[in-house]
Amino acid sequence: MEEKVFVGYGYGRFQNDSGQMQAYCNVFVLEPFSGSENEDYHYGGQKAMKYGCTSPDIFKDIKPGTKVRCFFDSKKKISYMVPADKA
């Protein structure tokens, strides 16, 4: 379980390389930048990270901007998300 700020989502279907329609579902949450700065690469603050999500039902009652607790399945997709103040 990790606490993050939920900032958005995207889901739908697309045509894959074999011509089949494939469903996708992603959520975007804020995280601090990580890595090593050097003379050519600088950063600060937070960035929106994309995570796969098992279903749009996970975030249907959660508004963007809400601090949430995220729970991940074995494939590192978010399988459960709840507002941090309700957990």
PDB file of N, CA and C in Angstrom:
ATOM      1  N   MET A   1       0.843  -1.169   0.000  1.00  0.00           N
ATOM      2  CA  MET A   1       0.000   0.000   0.000  1.00  0.00           C
ATOM      3  C   MET A   1       0.888   1.232   0.000  1.00  0.00           C
ATOM      4  N   GLU A   2       0.521   2.191  -0.820  1.00  0.00           N
ATOM      5  CA  GLU A   2       1.268   3.437  -0.884  1.00  0.00           C
ATOM      6  C   GLU A   2       0.281   4.596  -0.949  1.00  0.00           C
ATOM      7  N   GLU A   3       0.613   5.706  -0.282  1.00  0.00           N
ATOM      8  CA  GLU A   3      -0.211   6.910  -0.376  1.00  0.00           C
ATOM      9  C   GLU A   3       0.331   7.805  -1.490  1.00  0.00           C
ATOM     10  N   LYS A   4      -0.595   8.291  -2.327  1.00  0.00           N
ATOM     11  CA  LYS A   4      -0.232   9.136  -3.453  1.00  0.00           C
ATOM     12  C   LYS A   4      -1.377  10.118  -3.691  1.00  0.00           C
ATOM     13  N   VAL A   5      -1.154  11.130  -4.531  1.00  0.00           N
ATOM     14  CA  VAL A   5      -2.224  12.039  -4.934  1.00  0.00           C
ATOM     15  C   VAL A   5      -2.676  11.625  -6.336  1.00  0.00           C
ATOM     16  N   PHE A   6      -3.936  11.268  -6.444  1.00  0.00           N
ATOM     17  CA  PHE A   6      -4.562  10.853  -7.702  1.00  0.00           C
ATOM     18  C   PHE A   6      -4.860  12.107  -8.522  1.00  0.00           C
ATOM     19  N   VAL A   7      -4.317  12.192  -9.748  1.00  0.00           N
ATOM     20  CA  VAL A   7      -4.519  13.393 -10.554  1.00  0.00           C
ATOM     21  C   VAL A   7      -5.258  13.148 -11.863  1.00  0.00           C
ATOM     22  N   GLY A   8      -5.493  11.899 -12.225  1.00  0.00           N
ATOM     23  CA  GLY A   8      -6.228  11.660 -13.461  1.00  0.00           C
ATOM     24  C   GLY A   8      -6.237  10.207 -13.867  1.00  0.00           C
ATOM     25  N   TYR A   9      -6.897   9.956 -14.983  1.00  0.00           N
ATOM     26  CA  TYR A   9      -7.037   8.589 -15.480  1.00  0.00           C
ATOM     27  C   TYR A   9      -7.231   8.603 -16.989  1.00  0.00           C
ATOM     28  N   GLY A  10      -7.084   7.443 -17.597  1.00  0.00           N
ATOM     29  CA  GLY A  10      -7.381   7.233 -19.004  1.00  0.00           C
ATOM     30  C   GLY A  10      -7.730   5.773 -19.193  1.00  0.00           C
ATOM     31  N   TYR A  11      -8.824   5.501 -19.891  1.00  0.00           N
ATOM     32  CA  TYR A  11      -9.159   4.110 -20.185  1.00  0.00           C
ATOM     33  C   TYR A  11      -9.958   4.047 -21.474  1.00  0.00           C
ATOM     34  N   GLY A  12      -9.997   2.877 -22.057  1.00  0.00           N
ATOM     35  CA  GLY A  12     -10.707   2.694 -23.311  1.00  0.00           C
ATOM     36  C   GLY A  12     -10.222   1.429 -23.998  1.00  0.00           C
ATOM     37  N   ARG A  13     -10.234   1.494 -25.334  1.00  0.00           N
ATOM     38  CA  ARG A  13      -9.776   0.355 -26.134  1.00  0.00           C
ATOM     39  C   ARG A  13      -8.955   0.877 -27.309  1.00  0.00           C
ATOM     40  N   PHE A  14      -8.040   0.037 -27.769  1.00  0.00           N
ATOM     41  CA  PHE A  14      -7.262   0.372 -28.954  1.00  0.00           C
ATOM     42  C   PHE A  14      -7.078  -0.906 -29.774  1.00  0.00           C
ATOM     43  N   GLN A  15      -6.745  -0.717 -31.043  1.00  0.00           N
ATOM     44  CA  GLN A  15      -6.507  -1.860 -31.914  1.00  0.00           C
ATOM     45  C   GLN A  15      -5.045  -2.238 -31.811  1.00  0.00           C
ATOM     46  N   ASN A  16      -4.771  -3.468 -31.374  1.00  0.00           N
ATOM     47  CA  ASN A  16      -3.387  -3.916 -31.227  1.00  0.00           C
ATOM     48  C   ASN A  16      -2.813  -4.372 -32.570  1.00  0.00           C
ATOM     49  N   ASP A  17      -1.565  -4.813 -32.568  1.00  0.00           N
ATOM     50  CA  ASP A  17      -0.868  -5.183 -33.808  1.00  0.00           C
ATOM     51  C   ASP A  17      -1.524  -6.347 -34.540  1.00  0.00           C
ATOM     52  N   SER A  18      -2.248  -7.206 -33.808  1.00  0.00           N
ATOM     53  CA  SER A  18      -2.914  -8.335 -34.455  1.00  0.00           C
ATOM     54  C   SER A  18      -4.329  -7.976 -34.931  1.00  0.00           C
ATOM     55  N   GLY A  19      -4.714  -6.700 -34.797  1.00  0.00           N
ATOM     56  CA  GLY A  19      -6.011  -6.251 -35.266  1.00  0.00           C
ATOM     57  C   GLY A  19      -7.141  -6.409 -34.269  1.00  0.00           C
ATOM     58  N   GLN A  20      -6.850  -6.929 -33.098  1.00  0.00           N
ATOM     59  CA  GLN A  20      -7.868  -7.124 -32.061  1.00  0.00           C
ATOM     60  C   GLN A  20      -8.014  -5.859 -31.227  1.00  0.00           C
ATOM     61  N   MET A  21      -9.225  -5.615 -30.750  1.00  0.00           N
ATOM     62  CA  MET A  21      -9.447  -4.497 -29.839  1.00  0.00           C
ATOM     63  C   MET A  21      -9.019  -4.943 -28.438  1.00  0.00           C
ATOM     64  N   GLN A  22      -8.213  -4.110 -27.797  1.00  0.00           N
ATOM     65  CA  GLN A  22      -7.668  -4.432 -26.480  1.00  0.00           C
ATOM     66  C   GLN A  22      -8.013  -3.301 -25.511  1.00  0.00           C
ATOM     67  N   ALA A  23      -8.494  -3.680 -24.336  1.00  0.00           N
ATOM     68  CA  ALA A  23      -8.848  -2.697 -23.313  1.00  0.00           C
ATOM     69  C   ALA A  23      -7.591  -2.235 -22.578  1.00  0.00           C
ATOM     70  N   TYR A  24      -7.615  -0.983 -22.120  1.00  0.00           N
ATOM     71  CA  TYR A  24      -6.547  -0.470 -21.268  1.00  0.00           C
ATOM     72  C   TYR A  24      -7.171   0.415 -20.193  1.00  0.00           C
ATOM     73  N   CYS A  25      -6.464   0.550 -19.083  1.00  0.00           N
ATOM     74  CA  CYS A  25      -6.918   1.399 -18.000  1.00  0.00           C
ATOM     75  C   CYS A  25      -5.683   1.883 -17.242  1.00  0.00           C
ATOM     76  N   ASN A  26      -5.514   3.195 -17.134  1.00  0.00           N
ATOM     77  CA  ASN A  26      -4.364   3.780 -16.451  1.00  0.00           C
ATOM     78  C   ASN A  26      -4.825   4.859 -15.474  1.00  0.00           C
ATOM     79  N   VAL A  27      -4.074   5.016 -14.402  1.00  0.00           N
ATOM     80  CA  VAL A  27      -4.275   6.138 -13.488  1.00  0.00           C
ATOM     81  C   VAL A  27      -2.965   6.902 -13.407  1.00  0.00           C
ATOM     82  N   PHE A  28      -3.074   8.183 -13.073  1.00  0.00           N
ATOM     83  CA  PHE A  28      -1.912   9.051 -12.939  1.00  0.00           C
ATOM     84  C   PHE A  28      -1.882   9.579 -11.514  1.00  0.00           C
ATOM     85  N   VAL A  29      -0.721   9.435 -10.871  1.00  0.00           N
ATOM     86  CA  VAL A  29      -0.544   9.863  -9.485  1.00  0.00           C
ATOM     87  C   VAL A  29       0.757  10.644  -9.370  1.00  0.00           C
ATOM     88  N   LEU A  30       0.814  11.554  -8.389  1.00  0.00           N
ATOM     89  CA  LEU A  30       2.026  12.344  -8.175  1.00  0.00           C
ATOM     90  C   LEU A  30       3.041  11.566  -7.353  1.00  0.00           C
ATOM     91  N   GLU A  31       4.291  11.682  -7.771  1.00  0.00           N
ATOM     92  CA  GLU A  31       5.408  11.076  -7.056  1.00  0.00           C
ATOM     93  C   GLU A  31       6.594  12.022  -7.125  1.00  0.00           C
ATOM     94  N   PRO A  32       7.488  11.955  -6.135  1.00  0.00           N
ATOM     95  CA  PRO A  32       8.708  12.768  -6.222  1.00  0.00           C
ATOM     96  C   PRO A  32       9.592  12.260  -7.357  1.00  0.00           C
ATOM     97  N   PHE A  33      10.354  13.166  -7.949  1.00  0.00           N
ATOM     98  CA  PHE A  33      11.351  12.749  -8.939  1.00  0.00           C
ATOM     99  C   PHE A  33      12.387  11.877  -8.242  1.00  0.00           C
ATOM    100  N   SER A  34      12.939  10.943  -8.981  1.00  0.00           N
ATOM    101  CA  SER A  34      14.013  10.116  -8.418  1.00  0.00           C
ATOM    102  C   SER A  34      15.118   9.991  -9.454  1.00  0.00           C
ATOM    103  N   GLY A  35      16.248   9.552  -9.016  1.00  0.00           N
ATOM    104  CA  GLY A  35      17.390   9.402  -9.905  1.00  0.00           C
ATOM    105  C   GLY A  35      18.546  10.249  -9.437  1.00  0.00           C
ATOM    106  N   SER A  36      19.478  10.442 -10.316  1.00  0.00           N
ATOM    107  CA  SER A  36      20.666  11.224  -9.989  1.00  0.00           C
ATOM    108  C   SER A  36      20.761  12.438 -10.902  1.00  0.00           C
ATOM    109  N   GLU A  37      20.822  13.599 -10.287  1.00  0.00           N
ATOM    110  CA  GLU A  37      21.020  14.802 -11.079  1.00  0.00           C
ATOM    111  C   GLU A  37      22.487  14.875 -11.496  1.00  0.00           C
ATOM    112  N   ASN A  38      22.725  15.523 -12.628  1.00  0.00           N
ATOM    113  CA  ASN A  38      24.091  15.785 -13.072  1.00  0.00           C
ATOM    114  C   ASN A  38      24.093  17.124 -13.811  1.00  0.00           C
ATOM    115  N   GLU A  39      25.200  17.496 -14.423  1.00  0.00           N
ATOM    116  CA  GLU A  39      25.267  18.813 -15.054  1.00  0.00           C
ATOM    117  C   GLU A  39      24.320  18.958 -16.247  1.00  0.00           C
ATOM    118  N   ASP A  40      23.836  17.833 -16.799  1.00  0.00           N
ATOM    119  CA  ASP A  40      22.939  17.878 -17.949  1.00  0.00           C
ATOM    120  C   ASP A  40      21.490  17.556 -17.612  1.00  0.00           C
ATOM    121  N   TYR A  41      21.217  17.129 -16.391  1.00  0.00           N
ATOM    122  CA  TYR A  41      19.869  16.693 -16.029  1.00  0.00           C
ATOM    123  C   TYR A  41      19.522  17.196 -14.637  1.00  0.00           C
ATOM    124  N   HIS A  42      18.484  18.013 -14.561  1.00  0.00           N
ATOM    125  CA  HIS A  42      18.065  18.605 -13.289  1.00  0.00           C
ATOM    126  C   HIS A  42      16.569  18.414 -13.128  1.00  0.00           C
ATOM    127  N   TYR A  43      16.097  18.318 -11.900  1.00  0.00           N
ATOM    128  CA  TYR A  43      14.675  18.156 -11.641  1.00  0.00           C
ATOM    129  C   TYR A  43      14.343  18.579 -10.225  1.00  0.00           C
ATOM    130  N   GLY A  44      13.065  18.727  -9.964  1.00  0.00           N
ATOM    131  CA  GLY A  44      12.600  19.074  -8.629  1.00  0.00           C
ATOM    132  C   GLY A  44      11.098  18.929  -8.552  1.00  0.00           C
ATOM    133  N   GLY A  45      10.586  18.873  -7.363  1.00  0.00           N
ATOM    134  CA  GLY A  45       9.143  18.765  -7.173  1.00  0.00           C
ATOM    135  C   GLY A  45       8.624  17.363  -7.400  1.00  0.00           C
ATOM    136  N   GLN A  46       7.452  17.295  -8.023  1.00  0.00           N
ATOM    137  CA  GLN A  46       6.815  16.012  -8.270  1.00  0.00           C
ATOM    138  C   GLN A  46       6.459  15.876  -9.739  1.00  0.00           C
ATOM    139  N   LYS A  47       6.197  14.644 -10.160  1.00  0.00           N
ATOM    140  CA  LYS A  47       5.766  14.389 -11.527  1.00  0.00           C
ATOM    141  C   LYS A  47       4.613  13.398 -11.500  1.00  0.00           C
ATOM    142  N   ALA A  48       3.803  13.432 -12.531  1.00  0.00           N
ATOM    143  CA  ALA A  48       2.702  12.481 -12.642  1.00  0.00           C
ATOM    144  C   ALA A  48       3.247  11.182 -13.229  1.00  0.00           C
ATOM    145  N   MET A  49       3.024  10.094 -12.494  1.00  0.00           N
ATOM    146  CA  MET A  49       3.441   8.772 -12.949  1.00  0.00           C
ATOM    147  C   MET A  49       2.202   7.993 -13.382  1.00  0.00           C
ATOM    148  N   LYS A  50       2.362   7.198 -14.428  1.00  0.00           N
ATOM    149  CA  LYS A  50       1.263   6.391 -14.947  1.00  0.00           C
ATOM    150  C   LYS A  50       1.391   4.973 -14.417  1.00  0.00           C
ATOM    151  N   TYR A  51       0.283   4.444 -13.905  1.00  0.00           N
ATOM    152  CA  TYR A  51       0.217   3.051 -13.468  1.00  0.00           C
ATOM    153  C   TYR A  51      -0.951   2.375 -14.157  1.00  0.00           C
ATOM    154  N   GLY A  52      -0.755   1.132 -14.547  1.00  0.00           N
ATOM    155  CA  GLY A  52      -1.867   0.339 -15.039  1.00  0.00           C
ATOM    156  C   GLY A  52      -2.842   0.113 -13.894  1.00  0.00           C
ATOM    157  N   CYS A  53      -4.089  -0.035 -14.249  1.00  0.00           N
ATOM    158  CA  CYS A  53      -5.150  -0.215 -13.260  1.00  0.00           C
ATOM    159  C   CYS A  53      -6.019  -1.376 -13.742  1.00  0.00           C
ATOM    160  N   THR A  54      -6.535  -2.164 -12.828  1.00  0.00           N
ATOM    161  CA  THR A  54      -7.295  -3.350 -13.224  1.00  0.00           C
ATOM    162  C   THR A  54      -8.681  -3.039 -13.775  1.00  0.00           C
ATOM    163  N   SER A  55      -9.262  -1.885 -13.424  1.00  0.00           N
ATOM    164  CA  SER A  55     -10.616  -1.558 -13.874  1.00  0.00           C
ATOM    165  C   SER A  55     -10.927  -0.092 -13.585  1.00  0.00           C
ATOM    166  N   PRO A  56     -11.740   0.557 -14.433  1.00  0.00           N
ATOM    167  CA  PRO A  56     -12.164   1.924 -14.125  1.00  0.00           C
ATOM    168  C   PRO A  56     -12.997   2.010 -12.843  1.00  0.00           C
ATOM    169  N   ASP A  57     -13.557   0.892 -12.408  1.00  0.00           N
ATOM    170  CA  ASP A  57     -14.334   0.894 -11.161  1.00  0.00           C
ATOM    171  C   ASP A  57     -13.467   1.266  -9.962  1.00  0.00           C
ATOM    172  N   ILE A  58     -12.165   1.074 -10.065  1.00  0.00           N
ATOM    173  CA  ILE A  58     -11.233   1.363  -8.973  1.00  0.00           C
ATOM    174  C   ILE A  58     -11.317   2.834  -8.560  1.00  0.00           C
ATOM    175  N   PHE A  59     -11.489   3.738  -9.515  1.00  0.00           N
ATOM    176  CA  PHE A  59     -11.453   5.177  -9.216  1.00  0.00           C
ATOM    177  C   PHE A  59     -12.771   5.893  -9.502  1.00  0.00           C
ATOM    178  N   LYS A  60     -13.853   5.170  -9.751  1.00  0.00           N
ATOM    179  CA  LYS A  60     -15.112   5.796 -10.183  1.00  0.00           C
ATOM    180  C   LYS A  60     -15.676   6.804  -9.194  1.00  0.00           C
ATOM    181  N   ASP A  61     -15.438   6.633  -7.893  1.00  0.00           N
ATOM    182  CA  ASP A  61     -15.971   7.558  -6.889  1.00  0.00           C
ATOM    183  C   ASP A  61     -14.902   8.460  -6.280  1.00  0.00           C
ATOM    184  N   ILE A  62     -13.733   8.528  -6.916  1.00  0.00           N
ATOM    185  CA  ILE A  62     -12.617   9.318  -6.385  1.00  0.00           C
ATOM    186  C   ILE A  62     -12.336  10.474  -7.333  1.00  0.00           C
ATOM    187  N   LYS A  63     -12.322  11.681  -6.807  1.00  0.00           N
ATOM    188  CA  LYS A  63     -12.080  12.868  -7.618  1.00  0.00           C
ATOM    189  C   LYS A  63     -10.586  13.125  -7.757  1.00  0.00           C
ATOM    190  N   PRO A  64     -10.130  13.573  -8.952  1.00  0.00           N
ATOM    191  CA  PRO A  64      -8.733  13.978  -9.092  1.00  0.00           C
ATOM    192  C   PRO A  64      -8.381  15.029  -8.045  1.00  0.00           C
ATOM    193  N   GLY A  65      -7.170  14.925  -7.510  1.00  0.00           N
ATOM    194  CA  GLY A  65      -6.702  15.812  -6.453  1.00  0.00           C
ATOM    195  C   GLY A  65      -6.807  15.178  -5.073  1.00  0.00           C
ATOM    196  N   THR A  66      -7.425  14.008  -4.992  1.00  0.00           N
ATOM    197  CA  THR A  66      -7.613  13.310  -3.721  1.00  0.00           C
ATOM    198  C   THR A  66      -6.361  12.515  -3.348  1.00  0.00           C
ATOM    199  N   LYS A  67      -5.949  12.612  -2.083  1.00  0.00           N
ATOM    200  CA  LYS A  67      -4.872  11.754  -1.586  1.00  0.00           C
ATOM    201  C   LYS A  67      -5.461  10.365  -1.377  1.00  0.00           C
ATOM    202  N   VAL A  68      -4.819   9.354  -1.967  1.00  0.00           N
ATOM    203  CA  VAL A  68      -5.359   7.997  -1.948  1.00  0.00           C
ATOM    204  C   VAL A  68      -4.326   6.992  -1.437  1.00  0.00           C
ATOM    205  N   ARG A  69      -4.830   5.863  -1.042  1.00  0.00           N
ATOM    206  CA  ARG A  69      -3.979   4.711  -0.740  1.00  0.00           C
ATOM    207  C   ARG A  69      -4.157   3.735  -1.885  1.00  0.00           C
ATOM    208  N   CYS A  70      -3.047   3.330  -2.472  1.00  0.00           N
ATOM    209  CA  CYS A  70      -3.053   2.436  -3.629  1.00  0.00           C
ATOM    210  C   CYS A  70      -2.550   1.060  -3.221  1.00  0.00           C
ATOM    211  N   PHE A  71      -3.258   0.052  -3.686  1.00  0.00           N
ATOM    212  CA  PHE A  71      -2.876  -1.331  -3.441  1.00  0.00           C
ATOM    213  C   PHE A  71      -2.622  -1.976  -4.798  1.00  0.00           C
ATOM    214  N   PHE A  72      -1.543  -2.730  -4.911  1.00  0.00           N
ATOM    215  CA  PHE A  72      -1.087  -3.283  -6.178  1.00  0.00           C
ATOM    216  C   PHE A  72      -1.254  -4.791  -6.212  1.00  0.00           C
ATOM    217  N   ASP A  73      -1.543  -5.327  -7.399  1.00  0.00           N
ATOM    218  CA  ASP A  73      -1.613  -6.773  -7.566  1.00  0.00           C
ATOM    219  C   ASP A  73      -0.232  -7.317  -7.926  1.00  0.00           C
ATOM    220  N   SER A  74      -0.148  -8.590  -8.210  1.00  0.00           N
ATOM    221  CA  SER A  74       1.147  -9.230  -8.497  1.00  0.00           C
ATOM    222  C   SER A  74       1.770  -8.732  -9.806  1.00  0.00           C
ATOM    223  N   LYS A  75       0.982  -8.096 -10.673  1.00  0.00           N
ATOM    224  CA  LYS A  75       1.494  -7.551 -11.935  1.00  0.00           C
ATOM    225  C   LYS A  75       1.822  -6.066 -11.813  1.00  0.00           C
ATOM    226  N   LYS A  76       1.824  -5.546 -10.580  1.00  0.00           N
ATOM    227  CA  LYS A  76       2.126  -4.148 -10.273  1.00  0.00           C
ATOM    228  C   LYS A  76       1.100  -3.179 -10.853  1.00  0.00           C
ATOM    229  N   LYS A  77      -0.138  -3.659 -11.032  1.00  0.00           N
ATOM    230  CA  LYS A  77      -1.243  -2.798 -11.427  1.00  0.00           C
ATOM    231  C   LYS A  77      -2.010  -2.427 -10.169  1.00  0.00           C
ATOM    232  N   ILE A  78      -2.576  -1.222 -10.164  1.00  0.00           N
ATOM    233  CA  ILE A  78      -3.392  -0.821  -9.026  1.00  0.00           C
ATOM    234  C   ILE A  78      -4.695  -1.616  -9.084  1.00  0.00           C
ATOM    235  N   SER A  79      -4.956  -2.358  -8.019  1.00  0.00           N
ATOM    236  CA  SER A  79      -6.154  -3.194  -7.970  1.00  0.00           C
ATOM    237  C   SER A  79      -7.191  -2.665  -6.985  1.00  0.00           C
ATOM    238  N   TYR A  80      -6.781  -1.716  -6.134  1.00  0.00           N
ATOM    239  CA  TYR A  80      -7.702  -1.127  -5.163  1.00  0.00           C
ATOM    240  C   TYR A  80      -7.154   0.236  -4.790  1.00  0.00           C
ATOM    241  N   MET A  81      -8.053   1.217  -4.759  1.00  0.00           N
ATOM    242  CA  MET A  81      -7.643   2.575  -4.408  1.00  0.00           C
ATOM    243  C   MET A  81      -8.754   3.173  -3.556  1.00  0.00           C
ATOM    244  N   VAL A  82      -8.365   3.778  -2.443  1.00  0.00           N
ATOM    245  CA  VAL A  82      -9.335   4.357  -1.515  1.00  0.00           C
ATOM    246  C   VAL A  82      -8.799   5.700  -1.016  1.00  0.00           C
ATOM    247  N   PRO A  83      -9.673   6.694  -0.819  1.00  0.00           N
ATOM    248  CA  PRO A  83      -9.196   7.954  -0.250  1.00  0.00           C
ATOM    249  C   PRO A  83      -8.468   7.700   1.070  1.00  0.00           C
ATOM    250  N   ALA A  84      -7.362   8.374   1.287  1.00  0.00           N
ATOM    251  CA  ALA A  84      -6.515   8.139   2.465  1.00  0.00           C
ATOM    252  C   ALA A  84      -7.264   8.421   3.757  1.00  0.00           C
ATOM    253  N   ASP A  85      -8.223   9.348   3.740  1.00  0.00           N
ATOM    254  CA  ASP A  85      -8.942   9.669   4.967  1.00  0.00           C
ATOM    255  C   ASP A  85     -10.032   8.647   5.307  1.00  0.00           C
ATOM    256  N   LYS A  86     -10.293   7.698   4.397  1.00  0.00           N
ATOM    257  CA  LYS A  86     -11.320   6.674   4.656  1.00  0.00           C
ATOM    258  C   LYS A  86     -10.716   5.316   4.950  1.00  0.00           C
ATOM    259  N   ALA A  87      -9.422   5.186   4.821  1.00  0.00           N
ATOM    260  CA  ALA A  87      -8.787   3.873   4.998  1.00  0.00           C
ATOM    261  C   ALA A  87      -8.451   3.624   6.450  1.00  0.00           C
TER     262      ALA A  87
END
